[in-house]
């Protein structure tokens, strides 16, 4: 049986974090590091529906990635490009990798509303093992949510179980 690899598209400014993500891929994912939102959007267009994305959810400072005086995006708005990507591809599993602090509560809530399925907290749960756990739990989540919206309430439990099993495979 031919092994199918799931693309993992990563757009994040920290080289050390990208390396931990690459280690977390193991044999289950094809790791692709991308430089900016435009390159990421092109890669999503060319990827199968099973692709996973890990993104830095904030606008890139002028001059490319680099934290500058803000440090890890503090006081930086969420990227409108992320909102557009999630609106255009609602069934794509997107994980945000960011520093989670009390002043980011509104950002976390907004990311959830937009459709981000997981948050990787930098300096907390960004080990290769923790990242692999996040990736595993993110697979098929948007598809599962979309199917829940369209399945009629009278759908039997066994049929729902089959649909849930199918989304786990995707």
C-alpha atoms as a PDB file:
ATOM      1  CA  UNK A   1       0.000   0.000   0.000  1.00  0.00           C
ATOM      2  CA  UNK A   2       1.367   3.399  -0.995  1.00  0.00           C
ATOM      3  CA  UNK A   3       1.963   5.737   1.939  1.00  0.00           C
ATOM      4  CA  UNK A   4       0.315   9.144   1.544  1.00  0.00           C
ATOM      5  CA  UNK A   5       1.973  12.103   3.223  1.00  0.00           C
ATOM      6  CA  UNK A   6      -0.060  14.993   4.522  1.00  0.00           C
ATOM      7  CA  UNK A   7       1.428  18.421   3.664  1.00  0.00           C
ATOM      8  CA  UNK A   8       2.317  20.591   6.656  1.00  0.00           C
ATOM      9  CA  UNK A   9       2.686  24.214   5.597  1.00  0.00           C
ATOM     10  CA  UNK A  10       4.555  26.336   8.142  1.00  0.00           C
ATOM     11  CA  UNK A  11       4.840  30.116   8.089  1.00  0.00           C
ATOM     12  CA  UNK A  12       6.577  31.281  11.254  1.00  0.00           C
ATOM     13  CA  UNK A  13       9.456  33.705  11.854  1.00  0.00           C
ATOM     14  CA  UNK A  14      11.387  31.697  14.475  1.00  0.00           C
ATOM     15  CA  UNK A  15      13.892  29.253  12.919  1.00  0.00           C
ATOM     16  CA  UNK A  16      14.134  27.254  16.174  1.00  0.00           C
ATOM     17  CA  UNK A  17      10.357  26.793  16.269  1.00  0.00           C
ATOM     18  CA  UNK A  18      10.284  25.728  12.608  1.00  0.00           C
ATOM     19  CA  UNK A  19      12.955  23.138  13.396  1.00  0.00           C
ATOM     20  CA  UNK A  20      10.880  21.732  16.282  1.00  0.00           C
ATOM     21  CA  UNK A  21       7.884  21.509  13.929  1.00  0.00           C
ATOM     22  CA  UNK A  22      10.037  19.692  11.360  1.00  0.00           C
ATOM     23  CA  UNK A  23      11.064  17.211  14.071  1.00  0.00           C
ATOM     24  CA  UNK A  24       7.409  16.761  15.077  1.00  0.00           C
ATOM     25  CA  UNK A  25       6.490  15.800  11.497  1.00  0.00           C
ATOM     26  CA  UNK A  26       8.119  12.400  11.746  1.00  0.00           C
ATOM     27  CA  UNK A  27       6.986  10.207   8.858  1.00  0.00           C
ATOM     28  CA  UNK A  28       3.414  11.509   8.865  1.00  0.00           C
ATOM     29  CA  UNK A  29       3.807  14.917   7.230  1.00  0.00           C
ATOM     30  CA  UNK A  30       5.640  16.642   4.393  1.00  0.00           C
ATOM     31  CA  UNK A  31       7.180  19.755   5.954  1.00  0.00           C
ATOM     32  CA  UNK A  32       7.154  22.973   3.882  1.00  0.00           C
ATOM     33  CA  UNK A  33       8.459  26.268   5.303  1.00  0.00           C
ATOM     34  CA  UNK A  34       6.964  29.334   3.656  1.00  0.00           C
ATOM     35  CA  UNK A  35       8.085  32.957   3.804  1.00  0.00           C
ATOM     36  CA  UNK A  36       4.918  35.059   3.629  1.00  0.00           C
ATOM     37  CA  UNK A  37       1.127  35.085   3.314  1.00  0.00           C
ATOM     38  CA  UNK A  38       1.188  35.182  -0.480  1.00  0.00           C
ATOM     39  CA  UNK A  39       3.418  32.122  -0.685  1.00  0.00           C
ATOM     40  CA  UNK A  40       1.252  30.359   1.909  1.00  0.00           C
ATOM     41  CA  UNK A  41      -1.950  31.084  -0.014  1.00  0.00           C
ATOM     42  CA  UNK A  42      -0.387  29.737  -3.221  1.00  0.00           C
ATOM     43  CA  UNK A  43       0.693  26.572  -1.380  1.00  0.00           C
ATOM     44  CA  UNK A  44      -2.801  26.077   0.090  1.00  0.00           C
ATOM     45  CA  UNK A  45      -4.328  26.378  -3.383  1.00  0.00           C
ATOM     46  CA  UNK A  46      -1.999  23.646  -4.647  1.00  0.00           C
ATOM     47  CA  UNK A  47      -2.384  21.340  -1.613  1.00  0.00           C
ATOM     48  CA  UNK A  48      -4.871  18.545  -0.998  1.00  0.00           C
ATOM     49  CA  UNK A  49      -7.699  19.174   1.495  1.00  0.00           C
ATOM     50  CA  UNK A  50      -5.834  17.163   4.140  1.00  0.00           C
ATOM     51  CA  UNK A  51      -3.072  19.784   4.434  1.00  0.00           C
ATOM     52  CA  UNK A  52      -2.368  21.321   7.836  1.00  0.00           C
ATOM     53  CA  UNK A  53      -1.099  24.861   8.381  1.00  0.00           C
ATOM     54  CA  UNK A  54       0.901  26.344  11.242  1.00  0.00           C
ATOM     55  CA  UNK A  55       1.059  30.125  11.067  1.00  0.00           C
ATOM     56  CA  UNK A  56       2.267  33.109  13.010  1.00  0.00           C
ATOM     57  CA  UNK A  57      -1.095  34.948  13.201  1.00  0.00           C
ATOM     58  CA  UNK A  58       0.187  38.520  13.250  1.00  0.00           C
ATOM     59  CA  UNK A  59       1.065  40.937  10.496  1.00  0.00           C
ATOM     60  CA  UNK A  60       4.626  40.696   9.330  1.00  0.00           C
ATOM     61  CA  UNK A  61       6.576  43.856  10.187  1.00  0.00           C
ATOM     62  CA  UNK A  62       7.940  45.910   7.310  1.00  0.00           C
ATOM     63  CA  UNK A  63      11.179  44.338   6.174  1.00  0.00           C
ATOM     64  CA  UNK A  64       9.988  40.770   6.717  1.00  0.00           C
ATOM     65  CA  UNK A  65       9.860  38.609   9.798  1.00  0.00           C
ATOM     66  CA  UNK A  66      11.620  40.062  12.737  1.00  0.00           C
ATOM     67  CA  UNK A  67      10.174  41.081  16.006  1.00  0.00           C
ATOM     68  CA  UNK A  68      11.661  44.555  16.225  1.00  0.00           C
ATOM     69  CA  UNK A  69      10.766  46.593  19.286  1.00  0.00           C
ATOM     70  CA  UNK A  70       7.418  44.877  19.722  1.00  0.00           C
ATOM     71  CA  UNK A  71       8.870  41.439  20.437  1.00  0.00           C
ATOM     72  CA  UNK A  72       6.800  38.452  19.283  1.00  0.00           C
ATOM     73  CA  UNK A  73       4.084  40.605  17.818  1.00  0.00           C
ATOM     74  CA  UNK A  74       3.076  42.542  20.933  1.00  0.00           C
ATOM     75  CA  UNK A  75       0.751  45.388  19.933  1.00  0.00           C
ATOM     76  CA  UNK A  76       0.698  43.991  16.403  1.00  0.00           C
ATOM     77  CA  UNK A  77      -2.742  43.359  14.872  1.00  0.00           C
ATOM     78  CA  UNK A  78      -3.854  39.940  13.721  1.00  0.00           C
ATOM     79  CA  UNK A  79      -3.110  39.451  10.052  1.00  0.00           C
ATOM     80  CA  UNK A  80      -6.064  40.215   7.761  1.00  0.00           C
ATOM     81  CA  UNK A  81      -4.492  37.713   5.347  1.00  0.00           C
ATOM     82  CA  UNK A  82      -5.182  34.950   7.890  1.00  0.00           C
ATOM     83  CA  UNK A  83      -8.832  35.940   8.080  1.00  0.00           C
ATOM     84  CA  UNK A  84      -9.033  35.921   4.279  1.00  0.00           C
ATOM     85  CA  UNK A  85      -7.366  32.515   4.051  1.00  0.00           C
ATOM     86  CA  UNK A  86      -9.781  31.012   6.588  1.00  0.00           C
ATOM     87  CA  UNK A  87     -12.773  32.552   4.786  1.00  0.00           C
ATOM     88  CA  UNK A  88     -11.578  31.232   1.433  1.00  0.00           C
ATOM     89  CA  UNK A  89     -10.644  27.745   2.721  1.00  0.00           C
ATOM     90  CA  UNK A  90     -12.908  27.037   5.735  1.00  0.00           C
ATOM     91  CA  UNK A  91     -12.201  23.302   5.776  1.00  0.00           C
ATOM     92  CA  UNK A  92      -8.434  23.783   6.133  1.00  0.00           C
ATOM     93  CA  UNK A  93      -6.977  22.994   9.556  1.00  0.00           C
ATOM     94  CA  UNK A  94      -5.018  26.040  10.719  1.00  0.00           C
ATOM     95  CA  UNK A  95      -2.987  26.156  13.925  1.00  0.00           C
ATOM     96  CA  UNK A  96      -1.673  29.460  15.272  1.00  0.00           C
ATOM     97  CA  UNK A  97       1.748  29.474  16.949  1.00  0.00           C
ATOM     98  CA  UNK A  98       2.070  32.479  19.211  1.00  0.00           C
ATOM     99  CA  UNK A  99       3.001  33.676  22.647  1.00  0.00           C
ATOM    100  CA  UNK A 100      -0.084  33.278  24.858  1.00  0.00           C
ATOM    101  CA  UNK A 101      -0.318  35.982  27.510  1.00  0.00           C
ATOM    102  CA  UNK A 102      -3.253  37.581  29.364  1.00  0.00           C
ATOM    103  CA  UNK A 103      -3.196  40.599  27.042  1.00  0.00           C
ATOM    104  CA  UNK A 104      -3.808  38.261  24.077  1.00  0.00           C
ATOM    105  CA  UNK A 105      -7.233  37.048  25.282  1.00  0.00           C
ATOM    106  CA  UNK A 106      -9.118  39.016  22.628  1.00  0.00           C
ATOM    107  CA  UNK A 107      -6.767  37.733  19.927  1.00  0.00           C
ATOM    108  CA  UNK A 108      -7.395  34.130  20.995  1.00  0.00           C
ATOM    109  CA  UNK A 109     -11.148  34.664  20.907  1.00  0.00           C
ATOM    110  CA  UNK A 110     -10.924  36.291  17.471  1.00  0.00           C
ATOM    111  CA  UNK A 111      -8.785  33.451  16.108  1.00  0.00           C
ATOM    112  CA  UNK A 112     -11.403  30.961  17.312  1.00  0.00           C
ATOM    113  CA  UNK A 113     -14.175  32.922  15.590  1.00  0.00           C
ATOM    114  CA  UNK A 114     -12.174  33.001  12.378  1.00  0.00           C
ATOM    115  CA  UNK A 115     -11.757  29.204  12.413  1.00  0.00           C
ATOM    116  CA  UNK A 116      -8.285  28.519  13.842  1.00  0.00           C
ATOM    117  CA  UNK A 117      -8.530  25.010  15.309  1.00  0.00           C
ATOM    118  CA  UNK A 118      -5.547  24.953  17.707  1.00  0.00           C
ATOM    119  CA  UNK A 119      -3.088  27.337  19.332  1.00  0.00           C
ATOM    120  CA  UNK A 120       0.498  26.341  20.020  1.00  0.00           C
ATOM    121  CA  UNK A 121       1.724  28.406  22.938  1.00  0.00           C
ATOM    122  CA  UNK A 122       5.335  29.396  22.336  1.00  0.00           C
ATOM    123  CA  UNK A 123       7.614  28.684  25.299  1.00  0.00           C
ATOM    124  CA  UNK A 124       4.926  26.454  26.801  1.00  0.00           C
ATOM    125  CA  UNK A 125       3.787  23.625  24.546  1.00  0.00           C
ATOM    126  CA  UNK A 126       6.161  23.942  21.621  1.00  0.00           C
ATOM    127  CA  UNK A 127       8.242  20.791  22.075  1.00  0.00           C
ATOM    128  CA  UNK A 128       8.242  18.353  19.135  1.00  0.00           C
ATOM    129  CA  UNK A 129       6.074  15.921  21.135  1.00  0.00           C
ATOM    130  CA  UNK A 130       3.525  18.597  22.106  1.00  0.00           C
ATOM    131  CA  UNK A 131       3.411  19.885  18.534  1.00  0.00           C
ATOM    132  CA  UNK A 132       2.771  16.373  17.182  1.00  0.00           C
ATOM    133  CA  UNK A 133      -0.115  16.002  19.655  1.00  0.00           C
ATOM    134  CA  UNK A 134      -1.602  19.319  18.462  1.00  0.00           C
ATOM    135  CA  UNK A 135      -1.268  18.255  14.837  1.00  0.00           C
ATOM    136  CA  UNK A 136      -2.985  14.944  15.526  1.00  0.00           C
ATOM    137  CA  UNK A 137      -5.923  16.610  17.272  1.00  0.00           C
ATOM    138  CA  UNK A 138      -6.295  19.268  14.552  1.00  0.00           C
ATOM    139  CA  UNK A 139      -6.725  16.832  11.657  1.00  0.00           C
ATOM    140  CA  UNK A 140     -10.198  16.922  10.161  1.00  0.00           C
ATOM    141  CA  UNK A 141     -11.589  19.320  12.757  1.00  0.00           C
ATOM    142  CA  UNK A 142     -12.959  21.976  10.374  1.00  0.00           C
ATOM    143  CA  UNK A 143     -14.469  19.283   8.157  1.00  0.00           C
ATOM    144  CA  UNK A 144     -16.109  17.684  11.184  1.00  0.00           C
ATOM    145  CA  UNK A 145     -17.623  21.051  12.187  1.00  0.00           C
ATOM    146  CA  UNK A 146     -18.923  21.678   8.658  1.00  0.00           C
ATOM    147  CA  UNK A 147     -20.527  18.232   8.511  1.00  0.00           C
ATOM    148  CA  UNK A 148     -22.190  18.777  11.900  1.00  0.00           C
ATOM    149  CA  UNK A 149     -23.839  21.888  10.480  1.00  0.00           C
ATOM    150  CA  UNK A 150     -25.261  20.127   7.427  1.00  0.00           C
ATOM    151  CA  UNK A 151     -26.248  16.754   8.894  1.00  0.00           C
ATOM    152  CA  UNK A 152     -29.956  16.695   9.703  1.00  0.00           C
ATOM    153  CA  UNK A 153     -30.816  16.210  13.385  1.00  0.00           C
ATOM    154  CA  UNK A 154     -32.544  12.911  12.625  1.00  0.00           C
ATOM    155  CA  UNK A 155     -29.307  11.353  11.320  1.00  0.00           C
ATOM    156  CA  UNK A 156     -28.881   8.036  13.187  1.00  0.00           C
ATOM    157  CA  UNK A 157     -26.014   7.627  15.632  1.00  0.00           C
ATOM    158  CA  UNK A 158     -24.384   4.903  13.555  1.00  0.00           C
ATOM    159  CA  UNK A 159     -24.338   7.164  10.490  1.00  0.00           C
ATOM    160  CA  UNK A 160     -22.801   9.968  12.563  1.00  0.00           C
ATOM    161  CA  UNK A 161     -20.150   7.533  13.817  1.00  0.00           C
ATOM    162  CA  UNK A 162     -19.244   6.626  10.227  1.00  0.00           C
ATOM    163  CA  UNK A 163     -18.993  10.302   9.259  1.00  0.00           C
ATOM    164  CA  UNK A 164     -16.806  11.040  12.303  1.00  0.00           C
ATOM    165  CA  UNK A 165     -14.535   8.104  11.470  1.00  0.00           C
ATOM    166  CA  UNK A 166     -14.213   9.394   7.902  1.00  0.00           C
ATOM    167  CA  UNK A 167     -13.202  12.859   9.116  1.00  0.00           C
ATOM    168  CA  UNK A 168     -10.546  11.298  11.337  1.00  0.00           C
ATOM    169  CA  UNK A 169      -9.000   9.657   8.281  1.00  0.00           C
ATOM    170  CA  UNK A 170      -8.879  12.905   6.277  1.00  0.00           C
END
